[in-house]
């Protein structure tokens, strides 16, 4: 079964990764960044080698986000960066093809241990099953 596994972040977190700290988001050093990228690369390489990785990407900073909705007149309304520095948005994702939810949970627990500077915020790793052809929505 396929799963979407997601990590979250804020604009303040992205700013901290470029050396601009704020309360609750300490500055990352170049070594912190190298350590984090090496950790993620190791996970990605292992997932690719065992055939579980379908896709995985980090996303650009939230300030480069664009939201498109419909106005009352039915015309598109476009908003760039509609959230403040502390609003959590999707920071990266993996599409995984795993034998079970337990296996994806093991991977998510490993991702959650990604090295980061002391005092950096921690966010849960989110797992969502991907609906396959013919799948039905579950009812409560």
N, C-alpha and C. Protein backbone atom coordinates (compact mmCIF):
# COMPACT_ATOMS: atom_id res chain seq x y z
N UNK A 1 0.84 -1.18 0.00
CA UNK A 1 0.00 0.00 0.00
C UNK A 1 0.89 1.24 0.00
N UNK A 2 0.38 2.30 -0.60
CA UNK A 2 1.14 3.55 -0.67
C UNK A 2 0.69 4.49 0.44
N UNK A 3 1.69 5.24 0.95
CA UNK A 3 1.46 6.20 2.03
C UNK A 3 2.17 7.50 1.71
N UNK A 4 1.57 8.59 2.15
CA UNK A 4 2.21 9.89 2.10
C UNK A 4 2.70 10.19 3.51
N UNK A 5 4.01 10.40 3.65
CA UNK A 5 4.61 10.73 4.93
C UNK A 5 5.12 12.17 4.82
N UNK A 6 4.71 13.03 5.76
CA UNK A 6 4.98 14.46 5.63
C UNK A 6 5.68 15.02 6.87
N UNK A 7 6.55 16.00 6.63
CA UNK A 7 7.16 16.78 7.71
C UNK A 7 6.71 18.23 7.54
N UNK A 8 6.63 18.92 8.67
CA UNK A 8 6.12 20.28 8.66
C UNK A 8 7.20 21.27 9.08
N UNK A 9 6.98 22.52 8.79
CA UNK A 9 7.89 23.58 9.20
C UNK A 9 7.22 24.92 9.05
N UNK A 10 7.87 25.94 9.56
CA UNK A 10 7.36 27.31 9.48
C UNK A 10 8.38 28.17 8.74
N UNK A 11 7.97 29.36 8.36
CA UNK A 11 8.91 30.29 7.74
C UNK A 11 10.04 30.60 8.72
N UNK A 12 9.72 30.71 10.01
CA UNK A 12 10.75 30.97 11.02
C UNK A 12 11.79 29.85 11.03
N UNK A 13 11.35 28.60 10.82
CA UNK A 13 12.29 27.47 10.77
C UNK A 13 13.21 27.58 9.56
N UNK A 14 12.64 27.92 8.42
CA UNK A 14 13.46 28.09 7.21
C UNK A 14 14.44 29.24 7.40
N UNK A 15 13.98 30.34 8.03
CA UNK A 15 14.87 31.47 8.30
C UNK A 15 16.02 31.03 9.20
N UNK A 16 15.71 30.24 10.23
CA UNK A 16 16.74 29.75 11.15
C UNK A 16 17.76 28.89 10.43
N UNK A 17 17.31 28.13 9.43
CA UNK A 17 18.22 27.28 8.67
C UNK A 17 19.19 28.10 7.82
N UNK A 18 18.87 29.36 7.60
CA UNK A 18 19.78 30.23 6.85
C UNK A 18 20.53 31.18 7.79
N UNK A 19 20.50 30.85 9.10
CA UNK A 19 21.28 31.61 10.07
C UNK A 19 20.56 32.79 10.69
N UNK A 20 19.25 32.89 10.49
CA UNK A 20 18.47 34.00 11.05
C UNK A 20 17.52 33.47 12.12
N UNK A 21 17.97 33.43 13.39
CA UNK A 21 17.15 32.85 14.45
C UNK A 21 15.99 33.76 14.85
N UNK A 22 15.05 33.17 15.56
CA UNK A 22 13.95 33.90 16.18
C UNK A 22 13.60 33.13 17.46
N UNK A 23 12.81 33.71 18.34
CA UNK A 23 12.43 32.96 19.54
C UNK A 23 11.80 31.62 19.16
N UNK A 24 12.33 30.55 19.72
CA UNK A 24 11.81 29.22 19.42
C UNK A 24 12.41 28.56 18.20
N UNK A 25 13.19 29.28 17.41
CA UNK A 25 13.85 28.72 16.23
C UNK A 25 15.31 29.19 16.21
N UNK A 26 16.19 28.46 16.91
CA UNK A 26 17.61 28.86 16.95
C UNK A 26 18.28 28.71 15.59
N UNK A 27 19.30 29.50 15.36
CA UNK A 27 20.03 29.46 14.09
C UNK A 27 20.71 28.11 13.89
N UNK A 28 20.66 27.64 12.68
CA UNK A 28 21.37 26.43 12.28
C UNK A 28 22.75 26.83 11.77
N UNK A 29 23.74 26.02 12.08
CA UNK A 29 25.07 26.23 11.53
C UNK A 29 25.17 25.45 10.22
N UNK A 30 26.24 25.73 9.48
CA UNK A 30 26.47 24.97 8.25
C UNK A 30 26.64 23.49 8.58
N UNK A 31 27.29 23.18 9.70
CA UNK A 31 27.46 21.78 10.11
C UNK A 31 26.11 21.15 10.46
N UNK A 32 25.23 21.91 11.13
CA UNK A 32 23.88 21.40 11.44
C UNK A 32 23.17 21.00 10.14
N UNK A 33 23.28 21.85 9.14
CA UNK A 33 22.61 21.57 7.85
C UNK A 33 23.21 20.33 7.19
N UNK A 34 24.54 20.23 7.17
CA UNK A 34 25.18 19.05 6.57
C UNK A 34 24.75 17.78 7.29
N UNK A 35 24.69 17.84 8.62
CA UNK A 35 24.30 16.66 9.41
C UNK A 35 22.87 16.25 9.08
N UNK A 36 21.97 17.23 9.00
CA UNK A 36 20.57 16.94 8.69
C UNK A 36 20.44 16.35 7.28
N UNK A 37 21.11 16.95 6.30
CA UNK A 37 21.02 16.43 4.93
C UNK A 37 21.60 15.03 4.82
N UNK A 38 22.69 14.76 5.51
CA UNK A 38 23.30 13.42 5.48
C UNK A 38 22.35 12.39 6.10
N UNK A 39 21.70 12.77 7.19
CA UNK A 39 20.73 11.89 7.86
C UNK A 39 19.59 11.55 6.91
N UNK A 40 19.02 12.56 6.26
CA UNK A 40 17.91 12.34 5.34
C UNK A 40 18.35 11.55 4.10
N UNK A 41 19.54 11.84 3.61
CA UNK A 41 20.05 11.11 2.45
C UNK A 41 20.21 9.62 2.76
N UNK A 42 20.68 9.32 3.96
CA UNK A 42 20.83 7.91 4.36
C UNK A 42 19.48 7.21 4.37
N UNK A 43 18.47 7.86 4.95
CA UNK A 43 17.13 7.27 4.97
C UNK A 43 16.62 7.07 3.54
N UNK A 44 16.74 8.10 2.70
CA UNK A 44 16.26 8.01 1.33
C UNK A 44 16.97 6.91 0.55
N UNK A 45 18.28 6.81 0.72
CA UNK A 45 19.04 5.76 0.03
C UNK A 45 18.57 4.37 0.44
N UNK A 46 18.34 4.17 1.73
CA UNK A 46 17.86 2.86 2.21
C UNK A 46 16.47 2.55 1.67
N UNK A 47 15.58 3.56 1.69
CA UNK A 47 14.22 3.34 1.18
C UNK A 47 14.24 3.04 -0.31
N UNK A 48 15.11 3.71 -1.07
CA UNK A 48 15.23 3.45 -2.50
C UNK A 48 15.79 2.05 -2.74
N UNK A 49 16.81 1.67 -1.97
CA UNK A 49 17.45 0.36 -2.16
C UNK A 49 16.48 -0.79 -1.88
N UNK A 50 15.57 -0.61 -0.91
CA UNK A 50 14.66 -1.72 -0.61
C UNK A 50 13.31 -1.60 -1.34
N UNK A 51 13.20 -0.62 -2.26
CA UNK A 51 12.02 -0.51 -3.11
C UNK A 51 10.82 0.17 -2.48
N UNK A 52 10.98 0.79 -1.32
CA UNK A 52 9.85 1.44 -0.66
C UNK A 52 9.67 2.90 -1.07
N UNK A 53 10.70 3.54 -1.59
CA UNK A 53 10.62 4.96 -1.95
C UNK A 53 10.04 5.12 -3.35
N UNK A 54 8.90 5.79 -3.42
CA UNK A 54 8.30 6.14 -4.71
C UNK A 54 8.76 7.54 -5.10
N UNK A 55 8.72 8.47 -4.14
CA UNK A 55 9.16 9.84 -4.36
C UNK A 55 9.37 10.49 -3.01
N UNK A 56 10.19 11.50 -2.97
CA UNK A 56 10.39 12.28 -1.76
C UNK A 56 11.02 13.61 -2.15
N UNK A 57 10.51 14.68 -1.55
CA UNK A 57 11.01 16.01 -1.89
C UNK A 57 10.92 16.93 -0.69
N UNK A 58 11.90 17.83 -0.59
CA UNK A 58 11.78 18.96 0.32
C UNK A 58 11.12 20.09 -0.46
N UNK A 59 10.38 20.93 0.24
CA UNK A 59 9.66 22.01 -0.43
C UNK A 59 10.30 23.36 -0.12
N UNK A 60 10.10 24.30 -1.03
CA UNK A 60 10.62 25.66 -0.86
C UNK A 60 9.97 26.30 0.36
N UNK A 61 10.60 27.33 0.85
CA UNK A 61 10.13 28.02 2.06
C UNK A 61 8.69 28.51 1.91
N UNK A 62 7.96 28.56 3.03
CA UNK A 62 6.55 28.97 2.99
C UNK A 62 6.31 30.33 2.34
N UNK A 63 7.26 31.26 2.44
CA UNK A 63 7.01 32.58 1.84
C UNK A 63 6.88 32.51 0.33
N UNK A 64 7.24 31.38 -0.27
CA UNK A 64 7.10 31.22 -1.71
C UNK A 64 5.81 30.47 -2.07
N UNK A 65 4.92 30.33 -1.08
CA UNK A 65 3.65 29.63 -1.27
C UNK A 65 2.63 30.55 -1.93
N UNK A 66 1.82 29.98 -2.77
CA UNK A 66 0.72 30.72 -3.41
C UNK A 66 -0.55 29.92 -3.17
N UNK A 67 -1.60 30.61 -2.73
CA UNK A 67 -2.90 30.00 -2.50
C UNK A 67 -3.88 30.57 -3.51
N UNK A 68 -4.65 29.71 -4.15
CA UNK A 68 -5.63 30.13 -5.13
C UNK A 68 -7.00 29.62 -4.67
N UNK A 69 -7.94 30.53 -4.53
CA UNK A 69 -9.31 30.17 -4.17
C UNK A 69 -10.25 30.94 -5.09
N UNK A 70 -11.53 30.74 -4.91
CA UNK A 70 -12.52 31.44 -5.72
C UNK A 70 -13.17 32.54 -4.90
N UNK A 71 -13.28 33.71 -5.50
CA UNK A 71 -13.98 34.82 -4.87
C UNK A 71 -15.48 34.64 -5.02
N UNK A 72 -16.22 35.55 -4.42
CA UNK A 72 -17.68 35.48 -4.49
C UNK A 72 -18.19 35.54 -5.93
N UNK A 73 -17.42 36.20 -6.80
CA UNK A 73 -17.82 36.31 -8.20
C UNK A 73 -17.36 35.11 -9.04
N UNK A 74 -16.73 34.12 -8.38
CA UNK A 74 -16.26 32.93 -9.09
C UNK A 74 -14.91 33.08 -9.75
N UNK A 75 -14.32 34.28 -9.65
CA UNK A 75 -13.00 34.51 -10.23
C UNK A 75 -11.92 34.11 -9.24
N UNK A 76 -10.75 33.69 -9.73
CA UNK A 76 -9.66 33.28 -8.84
C UNK A 76 -9.17 34.44 -7.97
N UNK A 77 -8.91 34.11 -6.72
CA UNK A 77 -8.28 35.04 -5.78
C UNK A 77 -6.93 34.42 -5.43
N UNK A 78 -5.86 35.14 -5.69
CA UNK A 78 -4.50 34.63 -5.47
C UNK A 78 -3.89 35.37 -4.30
N UNK A 79 -3.35 34.59 -3.35
CA UNK A 79 -2.67 35.17 -2.19
C UNK A 79 -1.29 34.55 -2.12
N UNK A 80 -0.28 35.38 -2.03
CA UNK A 80 1.08 34.93 -1.81
C UNK A 80 1.37 35.05 -0.33
N UNK A 81 2.00 34.01 0.25
CA UNK A 81 2.44 34.05 1.65
C UNK A 81 1.35 34.58 2.58
N UNK A 82 0.19 33.93 2.66
CA UNK A 82 -0.90 34.46 3.48
C UNK A 82 -0.74 34.21 4.98
N UNK A 83 0.29 33.45 5.37
CA UNK A 83 0.46 33.12 6.77
C UNK A 83 1.65 33.85 7.37
N UNK A 84 1.62 33.97 8.68
CA UNK A 84 2.74 34.57 9.41
C UNK A 84 3.93 33.63 9.47
N UNK A 85 4.96 34.07 10.11
CA UNK A 85 6.21 33.31 10.19
C UNK A 85 6.06 32.01 10.98
N UNK A 86 5.03 31.89 11.82
CA UNK A 86 4.93 30.74 12.71
C UNK A 86 3.87 29.73 12.29
N UNK A 87 3.17 29.96 11.20
CA UNK A 87 2.15 29.01 10.73
C UNK A 87 2.83 27.79 10.13
N UNK A 88 2.45 26.58 10.60
CA UNK A 88 3.04 25.35 10.09
C UNK A 88 2.46 25.00 8.73
N UNK A 89 3.34 24.69 7.81
CA UNK A 89 2.96 24.22 6.48
C UNK A 89 3.81 23.00 6.13
N UNK A 90 3.44 22.34 5.07
CA UNK A 90 4.20 21.18 4.60
C UNK A 90 5.60 21.61 4.19
N UNK A 91 6.62 20.95 4.76
CA UNK A 91 8.02 21.28 4.45
C UNK A 91 8.66 20.24 3.53
N UNK A 92 8.15 19.03 3.56
CA UNK A 92 8.70 17.97 2.72
C UNK A 92 7.83 16.73 2.83
N UNK A 93 8.02 15.81 1.90
CA UNK A 93 7.19 14.61 1.89
C UNK A 93 7.92 13.44 1.25
N UNK A 94 7.40 12.26 1.54
CA UNK A 94 7.79 11.02 0.88
C UNK A 94 6.52 10.32 0.45
N UNK A 95 6.53 9.71 -0.71
CA UNK A 95 5.51 8.75 -1.09
C UNK A 95 6.19 7.40 -0.95
N UNK A 96 5.64 6.55 -0.09
CA UNK A 96 6.25 5.26 0.21
C UNK A 96 5.30 4.14 -0.16
N UNK A 97 5.86 3.05 -0.63
CA UNK A 97 5.10 1.84 -0.93
C UNK A 97 5.58 0.79 0.05
N UNK A 98 4.82 0.60 1.12
CA UNK A 98 5.24 -0.28 2.21
C UNK A 98 4.22 -1.38 2.45
N UNK A 99 4.69 -2.43 3.08
CA UNK A 99 3.83 -3.59 3.34
C UNK A 99 2.75 -3.30 4.37
N UNK A 100 3.00 -2.33 5.27
CA UNK A 100 2.02 -2.11 6.33
C UNK A 100 2.16 -0.71 6.93
N UNK A 101 1.12 -0.29 7.63
CA UNK A 101 1.16 0.96 8.37
C UNK A 101 2.23 0.91 9.46
N UNK A 102 2.42 -0.27 10.04
CA UNK A 102 3.48 -0.41 11.06
C UNK A 102 4.86 -0.10 10.48
N UNK A 103 5.11 -0.55 9.25
CA UNK A 103 6.41 -0.28 8.62
C UNK A 103 6.58 1.22 8.38
N UNK A 104 5.55 1.90 7.88
CA UNK A 104 5.65 3.34 7.66
C UNK A 104 5.84 4.07 8.99
N UNK A 105 5.20 3.57 10.03
CA UNK A 105 5.36 4.18 11.36
C UNK A 105 6.80 4.04 11.83
N UNK A 106 7.45 2.92 11.57
CA UNK A 106 8.87 2.75 11.90
C UNK A 106 9.72 3.80 11.18
N UNK A 107 9.44 4.00 9.91
CA UNK A 107 10.19 4.99 9.13
C UNK A 107 9.95 6.39 9.67
N UNK A 108 8.70 6.71 9.98
CA UNK A 108 8.37 8.03 10.52
C UNK A 108 9.07 8.27 11.85
N UNK A 109 9.15 7.25 12.69
CA UNK A 109 9.85 7.40 13.97
C UNK A 109 11.33 7.70 13.74
N UNK A 110 11.89 7.11 12.73
CA UNK A 110 13.30 7.39 12.40
C UNK A 110 13.45 8.83 11.90
N UNK A 111 12.57 9.27 11.02
CA UNK A 111 12.61 10.64 10.51
C UNK A 111 12.45 11.64 11.66
N UNK A 112 11.59 11.31 12.62
CA UNK A 112 11.36 12.21 13.76
C UNK A 112 12.62 12.43 14.58
N UNK A 113 13.58 11.52 14.48
CA UNK A 113 14.85 11.66 15.21
C UNK A 113 15.91 12.44 14.43
N UNK A 114 15.50 13.12 13.38
CA UNK A 114 16.45 13.89 12.57
C UNK A 114 17.20 14.88 13.46
N UNK A 115 18.53 14.92 13.34
CA UNK A 115 19.30 15.86 14.15
C UNK A 115 18.97 17.31 13.81
N UNK A 116 18.92 18.12 14.86
CA UNK A 116 18.68 19.55 14.69
C UNK A 116 19.30 20.27 15.89
N UNK A 117 19.45 21.58 15.80
CA UNK A 117 20.07 22.31 16.91
C UNK A 117 19.22 22.23 18.19
N UNK A 118 19.90 22.30 19.31
CA UNK A 118 19.23 22.34 20.62
C UNK A 118 18.20 23.46 20.64
N UNK A 119 16.98 23.15 21.07
CA UNK A 119 15.94 24.16 21.18
C UNK A 119 15.10 24.37 19.94
N UNK A 120 15.43 23.68 18.84
CA UNK A 120 14.63 23.81 17.62
C UNK A 120 13.27 23.13 17.84
N UNK A 121 12.21 23.67 17.24
CA UNK A 121 10.89 23.06 17.45
C UNK A 121 10.81 21.67 16.85
N UNK A 122 10.00 20.84 17.49
CA UNK A 122 9.77 19.49 16.99
C UNK A 122 8.32 19.39 16.53
N UNK A 123 8.13 18.82 15.35
CA UNK A 123 6.80 18.64 14.79
C UNK A 123 6.58 17.15 14.55
N UNK A 124 5.33 16.70 14.63
CA UNK A 124 5.08 15.28 14.34
C UNK A 124 5.29 14.99 12.86
N UNK A 125 5.67 13.77 12.57
CA UNK A 125 5.72 13.29 11.20
C UNK A 125 4.33 12.72 10.91
N UNK A 126 3.72 13.18 9.84
CA UNK A 126 2.33 12.84 9.53
C UNK A 126 2.30 11.74 8.47
N UNK A 127 1.47 10.73 8.69
CA UNK A 127 1.31 9.62 7.75
C UNK A 127 -0.14 9.60 7.28
N UNK A 128 -0.32 9.55 5.96
CA UNK A 128 -1.67 9.42 5.39
C UNK A 128 -1.65 8.32 4.33
N UNK A 129 -2.55 7.34 4.43
CA UNK A 129 -2.66 6.35 3.35
C UNK A 129 -3.12 7.05 2.07
N UNK A 130 -2.62 6.58 0.95
CA UNK A 130 -3.04 7.09 -0.35
C UNK A 130 -4.14 6.18 -0.87
N UNK A 131 -5.25 6.78 -1.22
CA UNK A 131 -6.38 5.98 -1.71
C UNK A 131 -6.01 5.41 -3.08
N UNK A 132 -6.19 4.13 -3.22
CA UNK A 132 -5.91 3.44 -4.48
C UNK A 132 -7.19 3.40 -5.30
N UNK A 133 -7.07 3.05 -6.57
CA UNK A 133 -8.26 2.92 -7.42
C UNK A 133 -9.28 2.00 -6.76
N UNK A 134 -10.51 2.45 -6.73
CA UNK A 134 -11.58 1.63 -6.18
C UNK A 134 -11.70 1.72 -4.67
N UNK A 135 -10.81 2.47 -4.01
CA UNK A 135 -10.88 2.58 -2.55
C UNK A 135 -12.09 3.43 -2.17
N UNK A 136 -12.68 3.09 -1.06
CA UNK A 136 -13.82 3.85 -0.56
C UNK A 136 -13.40 4.63 0.66
N UNK A 137 -14.06 5.76 0.87
CA UNK A 137 -13.83 6.53 2.10
C UNK A 137 -14.38 5.74 3.26
N UNK A 138 -13.67 5.75 4.38
CA UNK A 138 -14.20 5.07 5.57
C UNK A 138 -15.19 6.00 6.26
N UNK A 139 -16.14 5.42 6.93
CA UNK A 139 -17.12 6.20 7.66
C UNK A 139 -16.90 5.98 9.15
N UNK A 140 -17.15 7.02 9.95
CA UNK A 140 -16.93 6.88 11.40
C UNK A 140 -17.90 5.94 12.04
